[in-house]
Amino acid sequence: MNYGTYSVTQYGGMIEDRQRLTAYTEALRAAITPGCTVLDLGAGFGFFAILACKYGAGRVIAVEPAGSIALGPEMARANGCADRIEFIQGVSQDLGPEYRADVIIADLRGVVPLYTQHIPTIADARARLLAPGGVLITQCDRLRCALISDETLAEETFRPWQANGMDLDLSAGCRLAVNAERKVYVTPDSVLSDTADFATLDYRTISDPDVCGRVTLTAARGAPAHGLLLWFDAELAGGQRFSNAPDQPKRTYGQLFLPFERPVVMAAGDTAEIELDFRLVHDGYNKTWKTRFARAGEADLKFSQSLALGDFVTPADLRRRSGAHVPRSTARLELDRYCLSRFDGATSQATIAREAMDRAPGRFATEAEALGYVATLAARYHDPGH
């Protein structure tokens, strides 16, 4: 599964996002009782895990699938709490009841909360790993949206394909560009309409990762509408709150921009009815936005857009994704299958690599290349306990 990864620079940005940090740390401080157990999901290098120890937790489990967790033990030693934190590189779905906690803290969002396995992870942890009467730090997110008018974003979306300056017809690329999402930072001046809530994610009860909603937005002034802007308002335990709305200080999250097929000139009072459908497919969300513009003196204008239409997809790709497709075995599949069969808890990766070279002559130039292949395959099924 893909749970999203961050660079050290991005982690630094999270630490510097003071409103976010204050909200989470105050919620954590209020939730902790002396000696309690805390589960930190998507822990990164263990920032919240270390804070939990500072605030009095007796045991902390820090879970993170990415390699950033390797920095955790060093950080814990530097802060005098290495004996209370267990760092696990893996996912919480693999943890058993012995990891049940009194407090669960997690910030697994991307630009918006609908990000990779965020909701399934929270729902599973709440059901299996939160002790009776325990505290879930992230309580609720409200997803909000508005029309925006921003010439810079419009130029970045359309100009490369419509006016590239090289006398080339690249207009086919525009079809993909208008079906692609972007992380942006906009100011309140770019907001063209009123704002609306299109979904509420209550993590105390949520189980379905798919979200859909319908909103009607009314232009507050005359200007071209270039797209839809999305953000969230977060509510944490203890009444702590923060937001990545355009009128808030710059958040590490930014906002999400979904462009329209083309700019639509609107007058004050004109409306856009938008149907949003965000569905988790494998490890990512396919976002669909359908828009109907109602403008005075003009016929209704309708757009139907989706991230699926922004992918570089060939007809062969589509056939392979269909339910009617019958997958065939390949030499690579057979080699994967053999190596997986040898992951028995007793055979070393070096031995399996040599066997792979024997089974697939010419597939690997060196034993080191074969070992890299086996190690990569094994990492997909990493046991967090080892």
Protein backbone atom coordinates (compact mmCIF):
# COMPACT_ATOMS: atom_id res chain seq x y z
CA MET A 1 0.00 0.00 0.00
CA ASN A 2 1.06 3.58 -0.63
CA TYR A 3 0.70 5.72 2.49
CA GLY A 4 2.54 8.77 1.19
CA THR A 5 6.09 9.81 2.06
CA TYR A 6 7.62 13.13 3.05
CA SER A 7 11.10 14.64 2.73
CA VAL A 8 13.04 16.01 5.69
CA THR A 9 12.29 19.50 4.35
CA GLN A 10 8.56 18.77 4.45
CA TYR A 11 8.84 17.51 8.03
CA GLY A 12 10.61 20.74 8.86
CA GLY A 13 7.71 22.65 7.32
CA MET A 14 5.29 20.77 9.56
CA ILE A 15 7.28 21.77 12.64
CA GLU A 16 7.28 25.40 11.51
CA ASP A 17 3.50 25.40 10.90
CA ARG A 18 2.78 26.93 14.28
CA GLN A 19 -1.02 26.90 14.27
CA ARG A 20 -1.11 23.23 13.31
CA LEU A 21 1.61 22.40 15.82
CA THR A 22 -0.05 24.29 18.66
CA ALA A 23 -3.42 22.65 18.02
CA TYR A 24 -1.97 19.14 18.02
CA THR A 25 0.36 19.61 20.97
CA GLU A 26 -2.31 21.18 23.17
CA ALA A 27 -4.77 18.42 22.27
CA LEU A 28 -2.10 15.83 23.09
CA ARG A 29 -1.21 17.50 26.38
CA ALA A 30 -4.88 17.54 27.46
CA ALA A 31 -5.48 13.89 26.43
CA ILE A 32 -2.52 12.33 28.24
CA THR A 33 -2.82 10.97 31.75
CA PRO A 34 0.25 9.87 33.74
CA GLY A 35 1.53 6.49 32.54
CA CYS A 36 -0.96 6.10 29.69
CA THR A 37 -0.22 4.43 26.35
CA VAL A 38 -0.10 6.56 23.18
CA LEU A 39 -0.19 5.33 19.59
CA ASP A 40 1.32 7.75 17.06
CA LEU A 41 0.22 6.89 13.51
CA GLY A 42 2.21 8.22 10.59
CA ALA A 43 4.81 9.21 13.15
CA GLY A 44 7.55 10.30 10.76
CA PHE A 45 10.64 10.60 12.95
CA GLY A 46 8.53 10.60 16.14
CA PHE A 47 7.90 14.27 16.93
CA PHE A 48 4.55 13.68 18.64
CA ALA A 49 5.83 10.47 20.20
CA ILE A 50 8.59 12.39 21.96
CA LEU A 51 6.15 15.08 23.07
CA ALA A 52 3.84 12.41 24.47
CA CYS A 53 6.66 11.23 26.71
CA LYS A 54 7.35 14.80 27.79
CA TYR A 55 3.69 15.16 28.76
CA GLY A 56 3.72 12.00 30.90
CA ALA A 57 2.92 8.99 28.71
CA GLY A 58 4.29 5.73 30.08
CA ARG A 59 4.44 3.90 26.76
CA VAL A 60 4.41 5.21 23.19
CA ILE A 61 4.18 3.24 19.95
CA ALA A 62 5.36 5.24 16.93
CA VAL A 63 4.29 3.69 13.61
CA GLU A 64 5.56 4.92 10.26
CA PRO A 65 5.90 3.02 6.95
CA ALA A 66 8.59 5.29 5.49
CA GLY A 67 12.31 5.32 6.20
CA SER A 68 12.05 8.58 8.16
CA ILE A 69 11.37 6.48 11.25
CA ALA A 70 15.05 5.51 11.28
CA LEU A 71 15.75 8.95 12.77
CA GLY A 72 13.38 8.25 15.63
CA PRO A 73 15.57 6.32 18.06
CA GLU A 74 18.32 8.94 17.82
CA MET A 75 15.79 11.71 18.46
CA ALA A 76 14.34 9.78 21.40
CA ARG A 77 17.78 9.25 22.97
CA ALA A 78 18.58 12.94 22.58
CA ASN A 79 15.39 13.76 24.49
CA GLY A 80 15.82 11.15 27.23
CA CYS A 81 12.81 8.98 26.36
CA ALA A 82 14.20 6.12 24.26
CA ASP A 83 13.12 3.62 26.92
CA ARG A 84 9.44 4.55 26.52
CA ILE A 85 9.05 4.64 22.72
CA GLU A 86 8.80 1.63 20.46
CA PHE A 87 9.45 2.58 16.84
CA ILE A 88 7.80 0.34 14.25
CA GLN A 89 8.40 0.69 10.52
CA GLY A 90 5.15 -0.57 9.10
CA VAL A 91 1.43 0.11 9.20
CA SER A 92 -1.00 -0.01 12.08
CA GLN A 93 -3.21 -2.55 10.30
CA ASP A 94 -0.50 -5.12 11.08
CA LEU A 95 -0.55 -4.43 14.83
CA GLY A 96 -2.31 -6.74 17.26
CA PRO A 97 -4.31 -6.01 20.43
CA GLU A 98 -1.14 -5.83 22.52
CA TYR A 99 -0.67 -2.36 21.01
CA ARG A 100 -4.01 -1.02 22.21
CA ALA A 101 -3.63 2.58 23.36
CA ASP A 102 -5.40 5.13 25.54
CA VAL A 103 -4.65 7.93 23.06
CA ILE A 104 -4.27 7.80 19.27
CA ILE A 105 -2.75 10.76 17.47
CA ALA A 106 -2.43 11.00 13.69
CA ASP A 107 -2.11 13.62 10.98
CA LEU A 108 -2.28 11.51 7.83
CA ARG A 109 -3.67 14.16 5.53
CA GLY A 110 -2.27 15.48 2.28
CA VAL A 111 -3.53 18.80 0.92
CA VAL A 112 -6.98 17.57 1.91
CA PRO A 113 -7.89 14.71 4.28
CA LEU A 114 -8.86 12.41 1.38
CA TYR A 115 -5.33 11.13 0.98
CA THR A 116 -4.11 7.57 0.32
CA GLN A 117 -5.14 5.25 3.20
CA HIS A 118 -5.93 7.99 5.74
CA ILE A 119 -9.56 7.10 6.42
CA PRO A 120 -9.17 3.28 6.38
CA THR A 121 -6.19 3.62 8.74
CA ILE A 122 -8.07 5.80 11.22
CA ALA A 123 -11.20 3.62 11.08
CA ASP A 124 -9.20 0.44 11.68
CA ALA A 125 -7.15 1.93 14.52
CA ARG A 126 -10.24 3.33 16.21
CA ALA A 127 -12.03 -0.03 16.04
CA ARG A 128 -9.16 -2.29 17.09
CA LEU A 129 -6.47 -0.29 18.84
CA LEU A 130 -8.24 2.43 20.84
CA ALA A 131 -8.91 1.34 24.41
CA PRO A 132 -12.46 1.76 25.76
CA GLY A 133 -12.89 5.38 26.78
CA GLY A 134 -9.72 6.32 24.88
CA VAL A 135 -9.11 9.62 23.10
CA LEU A 136 -8.85 10.01 19.33
CA ILE A 137 -6.95 13.29 18.87
CA THR A 138 -8.26 14.10 15.39
CA GLN A 139 -12.02 14.28 15.82
CA CYS A 140 -13.43 15.83 12.67
CA ASP A 141 -12.56 17.56 9.38
CA ARG A 142 -14.96 19.75 7.44
CA LEU A 143 -14.21 19.87 3.71
CA ARG A 144 -14.93 23.29 2.23
CA CYS A 145 -14.80 24.82 -1.24
CA ALA A 146 -15.20 28.02 -3.25
CA LEU A 147 -14.82 29.27 -6.81
CA ILE A 148 -11.56 31.06 -7.49
CA SER A 149 -10.42 33.56 -10.05
CA ASP A 150 -6.64 33.57 -10.32
CA GLU A 151 -4.91 34.60 -13.54
CA THR A 152 -1.58 33.10 -12.51
CA LEU A 153 -3.11 29.65 -11.97
CA ALA A 154 -5.03 29.98 -15.22
CA GLU A 155 -1.88 30.80 -17.18
CA GLU A 156 0.01 27.90 -15.63
CA THR A 157 -2.85 25.55 -16.54
CA PHE A 158 -3.61 26.68 -20.09
CA ARG A 159 -0.72 28.64 -21.58
CA PRO A 160 1.82 25.79 -22.08
CA TRP A 161 -0.70 24.02 -24.31
CA GLN A 162 -2.32 26.98 -26.02
CA ALA A 163 0.46 29.53 -26.46
CA ASN A 164 3.80 27.81 -26.13
CA GLY A 165 5.68 30.32 -28.33
CA MET A 166 7.21 27.66 -30.56
CA ASP A 167 4.46 27.59 -33.21
CA LEU A 168 3.52 24.02 -32.23
CA ASP A 169 0.02 22.67 -31.76
CA LEU A 170 0.08 21.17 -28.29
CA SER A 171 -3.62 21.63 -27.63
CA ALA A 172 -4.16 17.91 -26.98
CA GLY A 173 -2.24 18.34 -23.73
CA CYS A 174 -4.83 20.81 -22.45
CA ARG A 175 -7.35 17.98 -22.22
CA LEU A 176 -5.17 16.34 -19.59
CA ALA A 177 -4.12 19.55 -17.83
CA VAL A 178 -7.70 20.54 -17.00
CA ASN A 179 -8.25 17.16 -15.36
CA ALA A 180 -5.26 17.42 -13.02
CA GLU A 181 -5.23 18.58 -9.40
CA ARG A 182 -2.63 20.92 -7.92
CA LYS A 183 -1.47 22.00 -4.50
CA VAL A 184 -1.58 25.80 -4.41
CA TYR A 185 -1.34 28.72 -2.03
CA VAL A 186 -3.88 31.43 -2.79
CA THR A 187 -4.93 34.60 -1.01
CA PRO A 188 -8.49 35.63 -0.13
CA ASP A 189 -8.41 38.02 -3.12
CA SER A 190 -8.62 34.99 -5.43
CA VAL A 191 -11.84 33.72 -3.86
CA LEU A 192 -14.70 34.54 -6.25
CA SER A 193 -17.74 33.13 -4.47
CA ASP A 194 -19.23 32.29 -1.13
CA THR A 195 -17.86 29.17 0.54
CA ALA A 196 -19.68 25.91 1.19
CA ASP A 197 -19.18 22.69 3.14
CA PHE A 198 -19.47 19.63 0.96
CA ALA A 199 -18.56 16.91 3.46
CA THR A 200 -17.86 16.30 7.14
CA LEU A 201 -15.44 13.55 8.12
CA ASP A 202 -16.19 12.47 11.67
CA TYR A 203 -13.31 10.19 12.62
CA ARG A 204 -15.17 8.94 15.70
CA THR A 205 -17.60 7.07 13.45
CA ILE A 206 -16.36 7.14 9.84
CA SER A 207 -15.78 3.87 7.98
CA ASP A 208 -16.42 4.60 4.29
CA PRO A 209 -13.41 6.29 2.60
CA ASP A 210 -15.51 7.52 -0.35
CA VAL A 211 -16.98 11.01 -0.17
CA CYS A 212 -19.49 12.76 -2.39
CA GLY A 213 -21.37 16.00 -2.12
CA ARG A 214 -23.15 18.72 -4.04
CA VAL A 215 -22.78 22.46 -3.52
CA THR A 216 -24.07 25.62 -5.16
CA LEU A 217 -21.67 28.55 -5.18
CA THR A 218 -22.66 32.13 -6.01
CA ALA A 219 -20.23 34.60 -7.56
CA ALA A 220 -19.68 37.64 -5.36
CA ARG A 221 -18.34 39.82 -8.20
CA GLY A 222 -17.81 39.81 -11.92
CA ALA A 223 -14.69 37.86 -12.95
CA PRO A 224 -13.67 34.68 -14.78
CA ALA A 225 -13.97 31.50 -12.70
CA HIS A 226 -10.86 29.40 -13.24
CA GLY A 227 -11.56 26.49 -10.95
CA LEU A 228 -12.59 25.14 -7.60
CA LEU A 229 -10.54 25.57 -4.44
CA LEU A 230 -10.76 23.01 -1.62
CA TRP A 231 -9.51 23.11 1.96
CA PHE A 232 -10.42 21.72 5.39
CA ASP A 233 -11.24 22.95 8.87
CA ALA A 234 -9.90 20.54 11.50
CA GLU A 235 -11.30 19.90 14.96
CA LEU A 236 -9.10 18.07 17.45
CA ALA A 237 -9.70 16.73 20.94
CA GLY A 238 -10.09 19.35 23.64
CA GLY A 239 -11.67 21.85 21.27
CA GLN A 240 -8.42 22.61 19.43
CA ARG A 241 -8.89 23.77 15.82
CA PHE A 242 -6.96 24.89 12.77
CA SER A 243 -7.64 25.44 9.08
CA ASN A 244 -5.78 25.68 5.76
CA ALA A 245 -8.35 28.16 4.37
CA PRO A 246 -7.07 30.97 2.12
CA ASP A 247 -7.64 33.57 4.84
CA GLN A 248 -5.43 31.70 7.32
CA PRO A 249 -1.64 31.95 7.69
CA LYS A 250 0.22 29.80 5.18
CA ARG A 251 -0.21 26.14 6.17
CA THR A 252 2.10 23.29 5.25
CA TYR A 253 -0.90 21.68 3.51
CA GLY A 254 -1.68 24.46 1.02
CA GLN A 255 -5.05 24.21 -0.74
CA LEU A 256 -6.28 21.98 -3.58
CA PHE A 257 -7.05 23.48 -6.99
CA LEU A 258 -9.32 21.69 -9.46
CA PRO A 259 -9.43 23.66 -12.74
CA PHE A 260 -12.42 24.09 -15.03
CA GLU A 261 -12.26 23.05 -18.67
CA ARG A 262 -11.88 26.71 -19.56
CA PRO A 263 -12.33 30.06 -17.80
CA VAL A 264 -16.00 30.97 -17.36
CA VAL A 265 -16.85 34.66 -17.12
CA MET A 266 -19.32 35.20 -14.29
CA ALA A 267 -21.28 38.19 -13.04
CA ALA A 268 -22.19 38.84 -9.44
CA GLY A 269 -25.09 36.54 -8.57
CA ASP A 270 -24.31 33.88 -11.20
CA THR A 271 -24.11 30.38 -9.79
CA ALA A 272 -22.16 27.16 -10.24
CA GLU A 273 -23.70 23.91 -9.08
CA ILE A 274 -20.92 21.40 -8.48
CA GLU A 275 -21.15 17.68 -7.82
CA LEU A 276 -18.04 16.22 -6.18
CA ASP A 277 -17.28 12.50 -6.05
CA PHE A 278 -14.02 11.35 -4.44
CA ARG A 279 -13.45 7.59 -4.43
CA LEU A 280 -10.53 5.61 -3.05
CA VAL A 281 -9.16 3.37 -5.82
CA HIS A 282 -6.31 1.15 -4.70
CA ASP A 283 -3.98 3.62 -2.92
CA GLY A 284 -5.19 6.91 -4.34
CA TYR A 285 -8.34 8.95 -4.79
CA ASN A 286 -10.01 9.46 -8.13
CA LYS A 287 -11.65 12.87 -7.88
CA THR A 288 -14.54 13.78 -10.17
CA TRP A 289 -16.11 17.23 -10.37
CA LYS A 290 -19.13 18.02 -12.51
CA THR A 291 -20.16 21.65 -12.87
CA ARG A 292 -23.25 23.41 -14.20
CA PHE A 293 -22.95 27.18 -14.59
CA ALA A 294 -26.14 29.25 -14.52
CA ARG A 295 -25.41 32.76 -15.82
CA ALA A 296 -27.85 35.57 -16.50
CA GLY A 297 -28.67 35.81 -20.18
CA GLU A 298 -26.58 32.74 -21.08
CA ALA A 299 -27.41 29.10 -21.73
CA ASP A 300 -26.31 26.73 -18.97
CA LEU A 301 -22.75 25.54 -19.38
CA LYS A 302 -21.76 22.06 -18.17
CA PHE A 303 -18.35 20.50 -17.54
CA SER A 304 -17.57 16.93 -16.45
CA GLN A 305 -14.01 16.42 -15.23
CA SER A 306 -12.04 13.73 -13.43
CA LEU A 307 -8.48 12.94 -12.44
CA ALA A 308 -8.93 9.71 -14.38
CA LEU A 309 -9.11 11.82 -17.55
CA GLY A 310 -5.81 13.47 -16.70
CA ASP A 311 -3.77 10.26 -16.71
CA PHE A 312 -1.50 9.23 -19.56
CA VAL A 313 -3.50 6.10 -20.36
CA THR A 314 -3.24 3.96 -23.49
CA PRO A 315 -6.03 1.71 -24.85
CA ALA A 316 -3.97 -1.26 -23.64
CA ASP A 317 -3.94 0.22 -20.11
CA LEU A 318 -7.73 0.51 -20.18
CA ARG A 319 -8.12 -3.10 -21.31
CA ARG A 320 -5.86 -4.30 -18.50
CA ARG A 321 -7.92 -2.38 -15.94
CA SER A 322 -11.26 -3.77 -17.04
CA GLY A 323 -13.06 -6.48 -15.11
CA ALA A 324 -13.15 -8.67 -18.22
CA HIS A 325 -9.37 -8.70 -18.59
CA VAL A 326 -7.77 -12.14 -18.05
CA PRO A 327 -4.22 -11.71 -16.70
CA ARG A 328 -1.61 -14.06 -18.05
CA SER A 329 1.42 -15.43 -16.32
CA THR A 330 4.79 -13.96 -17.32
CA ALA A 331 8.38 -14.88 -16.64
CA ARG A 332 8.62 -12.00 -14.19
CA LEU A 333 5.47 -13.11 -12.37
CA GLU A 334 6.78 -16.67 -12.09
CA LEU A 335 10.07 -15.41 -10.66
CA ASP A 336 8.23 -13.22 -8.15
CA ARG A 337 6.06 -16.17 -7.19
CA TYR A 338 9.09 -18.41 -6.64
CA CYS A 339 10.91 -15.84 -4.50
CA LEU A 340 7.80 -15.20 -2.42
CA SER A 341 7.54 -18.93 -1.78
CA ARG A 342 11.05 -18.82 -0.33
CA PHE A 343 10.20 -16.12 2.22
CA ASP A 344 9.90 -18.75 4.92
CA GLY A 345 11.59 -17.09 7.88
CA ALA A 346 14.64 -19.30 7.52
CA THR A 347 16.22 -18.57 4.13
CA SER A 348 18.45 -15.52 3.66
CA GLN A 349 17.90 -12.98 0.91
CA ALA A 350 21.39 -13.74 -0.44
CA THR A 351 20.45 -17.40 -0.88
CA ILE A 352 17.18 -16.50 -2.59
CA ALA A 353 19.05 -14.07 -4.87
CA ARG A 354 21.43 -16.82 -6.01
CA GLU A 355 18.49 -19.15 -6.62
CA ALA A 356 16.77 -16.40 -8.63
CA MET A 357 19.85 -16.08 -10.84
CA ASP A 358 19.80 -19.84 -11.46
CA ARG A 359 16.07 -19.85 -12.32
CA ALA A 360 16.27 -16.83 -14.62
CA PRO A 361 19.59 -16.96 -16.51
CA GLY A 362 20.46 -13.59 -18.01
CA ARG A 363 17.87 -11.72 -15.93
CA PHE A 364 20.49 -10.26 -13.56
CA ALA A 365 23.93 -9.00 -14.53
CA THR A 366 25.35 -9.45 -11.05
CA GLU A 367 24.48 -11.10 -7.76
CA ALA A 368 24.14 -7.61 -6.26
CA GLU A 369 21.42 -6.80 -8.79
CA ALA A 370 19.59 -10.03 -7.91
CA LEU A 371 19.88 -9.24 -4.21
CA GLY A 372 18.41 -5.79 -4.83
CA TYR A 373 15.47 -7.36 -6.63
CA VAL A 374 14.80 -9.81 -3.77
CA ALA A 375 15.16 -7.11 -1.11
CA THR A 376 12.72 -4.83 -2.94
CA LEU A 377 10.21 -7.67 -3.25
CA ALA A 378 10.58 -8.52 0.43
CA ALA A 379 10.07 -4.89 1.46
CA ARG A 380 6.55 -4.96 0.03
CA TYR A 381 5.63 -7.49 2.69
CA HIS A 382 7.77 -6.11 5.51
CA ASP A 383 7.02 -7.56 8.91
CA PRO A 384 6.86 -4.56 11.31
CA GLY A 385 7.94 -6.76 14.16
CA HIS A 386 11.37 -7.48 12.65
